[in-house]
Amino acid sequence: MLDRSDARKLISDSWDSLTSAAQLPEEWTDFFDHEGPTPLAFDDQRSYRRFYLRGKALLRRDDTLHGVYTKDVSRTGISFYCSEQLFPREQVSIWLPDGTNHRLKIARCHRVQSKCYECGATFER
């Protein structure tokens, strides 16, 4: 396995060369300022607590790599921003900055703006 700093550098270098990279809204200037557990909503039905995981990652969809921004993670899933619309039950894989690669099943995807779709996925075993 790659050292964490090596994986971050590889992802960053690859991310910058991709033509298919997510673009966050300009007004989200504090996007990378969040860390730790996410706030709980009074009606939250989640089984596991979510934690902020803000950074760049690589998503493989079929044979194409996409640059994505990770949003948060829990024991069973992850959310991220992608430049393309993904569809429920679609299977993809994501390479995170810690050097790990995970298979995912898309659960939801909605458009935030052009080249920015918020996606939620569950980890596949």
C-alpha atoms as a PDB file:
ATOM      1  CA  MET A   1       0.000   0.000   0.000  1.00  0.00           C
ATOM      2  CA  LEU A   2       1.158   3.520  -0.709  1.00  0.00           C
ATOM      3  CA  ASP A   3       2.135   5.842   2.086  1.00  0.00           C
ATOM      4  CA  ARG A   4      -0.640   8.360   2.767  1.00  0.00           C
ATOM      5  CA  SER A   5       1.407  11.345   1.532  1.00  0.00           C
ATOM      6  CA  ASP A   6       2.322   9.456  -1.661  1.00  0.00           C
ATOM      7  CA  ALA A   7      -1.343   8.626  -2.309  1.00  0.00           C
ATOM      8  CA  ARG A   8      -2.374  12.255  -1.769  1.00  0.00           C
ATOM      9  CA  LYS A   9       0.281  13.445  -4.223  1.00  0.00           C
ATOM     10  CA  LEU A  10      -0.704  10.866  -6.847  1.00  0.00           C
ATOM     11  CA  ILE A  11      -4.374  11.749  -6.504  1.00  0.00           C
ATOM     12  CA  SER A  12      -3.639  15.470  -6.670  1.00  0.00           C
ATOM     13  CA  ASP A  13      -1.402  15.086  -9.745  1.00  0.00           C
ATOM     14  CA  SER A  14      -3.923  12.826 -11.497  1.00  0.00           C
ATOM     15  CA  TRP A  15      -6.855  15.018 -10.452  1.00  0.00           C
ATOM     16  CA  ASP A  16      -5.300  18.120 -11.997  1.00  0.00           C
ATOM     17  CA  SER A  17      -4.798  16.371 -15.355  1.00  0.00           C
ATOM     18  CA  LEU A  18      -8.391  15.106 -15.654  1.00  0.00           C
ATOM     19  CA  THR A  19     -10.886  16.820 -17.929  1.00  0.00           C
ATOM     20  CA  SER A  20     -13.739  15.375 -15.881  1.00  0.00           C
ATOM     21  CA  ALA A  21     -13.348  16.995 -12.460  1.00  0.00           C
ATOM     22  CA  ALA A  22     -16.098  18.294 -10.197  1.00  0.00           C
ATOM     23  CA  GLN A  23     -16.432  22.061  -9.814  1.00  0.00           C
ATOM     24  CA  LEU A  24     -17.736  23.283  -6.464  1.00  0.00           C
ATOM     25  CA  PRO A  25     -19.882  26.432  -6.333  1.00  0.00           C
ATOM     26  CA  GLU A  26     -17.789  29.588  -5.905  1.00  0.00           C
ATOM     27  CA  GLU A  27     -19.694  30.619  -2.775  1.00  0.00           C
ATOM     28  CA  TRP A  28     -18.559  27.475  -0.918  1.00  0.00           C
ATOM     29  CA  THR A  29     -15.381  29.188   0.271  1.00  0.00           C
ATOM     30  CA  ASP A  30     -15.388  27.321   3.604  1.00  0.00           C
ATOM     31  CA  PHE A  31     -15.920  23.834   2.121  1.00  0.00           C
ATOM     32  CA  PHE A  32     -12.532  22.530   3.310  1.00  0.00           C
ATOM     33  CA  ASP A  33     -12.804  24.153   6.772  1.00  0.00           C
ATOM     34  CA  HIS A  34     -14.986  21.407   8.278  1.00  0.00           C
ATOM     35  CA  GLU A  35     -13.683  18.389  10.177  1.00  0.00           C
ATOM     36  CA  GLY A  36     -14.845  15.936  12.828  1.00  0.00           C
ATOM     37  CA  PRO A  37     -18.404  14.626  13.256  1.00  0.00           C
ATOM     38  CA  THR A  38     -21.189  16.236  11.249  1.00  0.00           C
ATOM     39  CA  PRO A  39     -24.023  17.952  13.149  1.00  0.00           C
ATOM     40  CA  LEU A  40     -26.972  15.737  14.009  1.00  0.00           C
ATOM     41  CA  ALA A  41     -30.472  16.583  12.802  1.00  0.00           C
ATOM     42  CA  PHE A  42     -33.339  15.983  15.235  1.00  0.00           C
ATOM     43  CA  ASP A  43     -35.030  13.582  12.765  1.00  0.00           C
ATOM     44  CA  ASP A  44     -31.874  11.772  11.623  1.00  0.00           C
ATOM     45  CA  GLN A  45     -32.602   8.093  10.940  1.00  0.00           C
ATOM     46  CA  ARG A  46     -29.017   7.068  10.134  1.00  0.00           C
ATOM     47  CA  SER A  47     -27.563   3.924  11.674  1.00  0.00           C
ATOM     48  CA  TYR A  48     -24.038   5.347  11.937  1.00  0.00           C
ATOM     49  CA  ARG A  49     -22.649   8.807  12.591  1.00  0.00           C
ATOM     50  CA  ARG A  50     -21.157  10.724   9.650  1.00  0.00           C
ATOM     51  CA  PHE A  51     -17.786  12.474   9.739  1.00  0.00           C
ATOM     52  CA  TYR A  52     -16.503  15.205   7.480  1.00  0.00           C
ATOM     53  CA  LEU A  53     -14.037  13.936   4.897  1.00  0.00           C
ATOM     54  CA  ARG A  54     -13.192  16.959   2.772  1.00  0.00           C
ATOM     55  CA  GLY A  55     -10.676  16.442  -0.009  1.00  0.00           C
ATOM     56  CA  LYS A  56      -9.974  15.231  -3.514  1.00  0.00           C
ATOM     57  CA  ALA A  57     -10.388  11.631  -4.640  1.00  0.00           C
ATOM     58  CA  LEU A  58     -10.520   9.683  -7.886  1.00  0.00           C
ATOM     59  CA  LEU A  59     -13.652   7.881  -9.027  1.00  0.00           C
ATOM     60  CA  ARG A  60     -13.556   5.106 -11.620  1.00  0.00           C
ATOM     61  CA  ARG A  61     -16.729   4.711 -13.637  1.00  0.00           C
ATOM     62  CA  ASP A  62     -16.387   1.974 -16.257  1.00  0.00           C
ATOM     63  CA  ASP A  63     -12.949   2.758 -17.723  1.00  0.00           C
ATOM     64  CA  THR A  64     -13.010   6.507 -17.064  1.00  0.00           C
ATOM     65  CA  LEU A  65     -11.446   8.393 -14.145  1.00  0.00           C
ATOM     66  CA  HIS A  66     -13.264  11.383 -12.637  1.00  0.00           C
ATOM     67  CA  GLY A  67     -11.985  13.881 -10.108  1.00  0.00           C
ATOM     68  CA  VAL A  68     -14.388  14.124  -7.169  1.00  0.00           C
ATOM     69  CA  TYR A  69     -14.533  16.054  -3.905  1.00  0.00           C
ATOM     70  CA  THR A  70     -15.391  13.921  -0.898  1.00  0.00           C
ATOM     71  CA  LYS A  71     -17.937  15.396   1.515  1.00  0.00           C
ATOM     72  CA  ASP A  72     -18.438  12.991   4.427  1.00  0.00           C
ATOM     73  CA  VAL A  73     -18.188   9.341   5.364  1.00  0.00           C
ATOM     74  CA  SER A  74     -19.771   6.848   7.760  1.00  0.00           C
ATOM     75  CA  ARG A  75     -19.192   3.190   8.503  1.00  0.00           C
ATOM     76  CA  THR A  76     -21.466   2.143   5.631  1.00  0.00           C
ATOM     77  CA  GLY A  77     -21.229   4.916   3.030  1.00  0.00           C
ATOM     78  CA  ILE A  78     -19.728   8.070   1.604  1.00  0.00           C
ATOM     79  CA  SER A  79     -20.959  11.220  -0.108  1.00  0.00           C
ATOM     80  CA  PHE A  80     -19.060  13.184  -2.713  1.00  0.00           C
ATOM     81  CA  TYR A  81     -19.389  15.713  -5.532  1.00  0.00           C
ATOM     82  CA  CYS A  82     -18.902  14.476  -9.095  1.00  0.00           C
ATOM     83  CA  SER A  83     -18.854  16.297 -12.444  1.00  0.00           C
ATOM     84  CA  GLU A  84     -21.308  13.829 -14.012  1.00  0.00           C
ATOM     85  CA  GLN A  85     -24.660  12.457 -13.009  1.00  0.00           C
ATOM     86  CA  LEU A  86     -24.466   8.948 -11.564  1.00  0.00           C
ATOM     87  CA  PHE A  87     -27.475   6.663 -11.297  1.00  0.00           C
ATOM     88  CA  PRO A  88     -28.900   4.656  -8.381  1.00  0.00           C
ATOM     89  CA  ARG A  89     -27.536   1.096  -8.172  1.00  0.00           C
ATOM     90  CA  GLU A  90     -24.636   1.958 -10.482  1.00  0.00           C
ATOM     91  CA  GLN A  91     -21.353   0.436  -9.284  1.00  0.00           C
ATOM     92  CA  VAL A  92     -18.169   2.519  -9.247  1.00  0.00           C
ATOM     93  CA  SER A  93     -14.920   2.574  -7.285  1.00  0.00           C
ATOM     94  CA  ILE A  94     -13.247   5.411  -5.416  1.00  0.00           C
ATOM     95  CA  TRP A  95      -9.594   5.933  -4.521  1.00  0.00           C
ATOM     96  CA  LEU A  96      -9.238   7.999  -1.340  1.00  0.00           C
ATOM     97  CA  PRO A  97      -6.244  10.105  -0.211  1.00  0.00           C
ATOM     98  CA  ASP A  98      -5.351   7.545   2.459  1.00  0.00           C
ATOM     99  CA  GLY A  99      -4.447   5.135  -0.376  1.00  0.00           C
ATOM    100  CA  THR A 100      -7.501   2.887  -0.010  1.00  0.00           C
ATOM    101  CA  ASN A 101      -9.732   1.872  -2.885  1.00  0.00           C
ATOM    102  CA  HIS A 102     -13.412   1.065  -2.269  1.00  0.00           C
ATOM    103  CA  ARG A 103     -16.181  -0.343  -4.426  1.00  0.00           C
ATOM    104  CA  LEU A 104     -19.384   1.676  -4.147  1.00  0.00           C
ATOM    105  CA  LYS A 105     -23.040   1.351  -5.081  1.00  0.00           C
ATOM    106  CA  ILE A 106     -24.668   4.698  -5.845  1.00  0.00           C
ATOM    107  CA  ALA A 107     -27.755   5.375  -3.713  1.00  0.00           C
ATOM    108  CA  ARG A 108     -28.637   8.924  -4.807  1.00  0.00           C
ATOM    109  CA  CYS A 109     -27.405  11.751  -7.007  1.00  0.00           C
ATOM    110  CA  HIS A 110     -28.761  15.263  -7.490  1.00  0.00           C
ATOM    111  CA  ARG A 111     -27.545  18.276  -9.427  1.00  0.00           C
ATOM    112  CA  VAL A 112     -26.109  21.228  -7.485  1.00  0.00           C
ATOM    113  CA  GLN A 113     -24.933  23.130 -10.569  1.00  0.00           C
ATOM    114  CA  SER A 114     -23.216  22.434 -13.884  1.00  0.00           C
ATOM    115  CA  LYS A 115     -20.359  19.924 -13.344  1.00  0.00           C
ATOM    116  CA  CYS A 116     -21.382  19.401  -9.706  1.00  0.00           C
ATOM    117  CA  TYR A 117     -23.618  16.529  -8.625  1.00  0.00           C
ATOM    118  CA  GLU A 118     -23.937  15.522  -4.987  1.00  0.00           C
ATOM    119  CA  CYS A 119     -23.817  11.719  -4.783  1.00  0.00           C
ATOM    120  CA  GLY A 120     -24.349   9.306  -1.930  1.00  0.00           C
ATOM    121  CA  ALA A 121     -23.112   5.726  -2.071  1.00  0.00           C
ATOM    122  CA  THR A 122     -22.800   2.654   0.100  1.00  0.00           C
ATOM    123  CA  PHE A 123     -19.632   0.605   0.443  1.00  0.00           C
ATOM    124  CA  GLU A 124     -19.811  -2.776  -1.297  1.00  0.00           C
ATOM    125  CA  ARG A 125     -18.173  -5.787   0.299  1.00  0.00           C
END
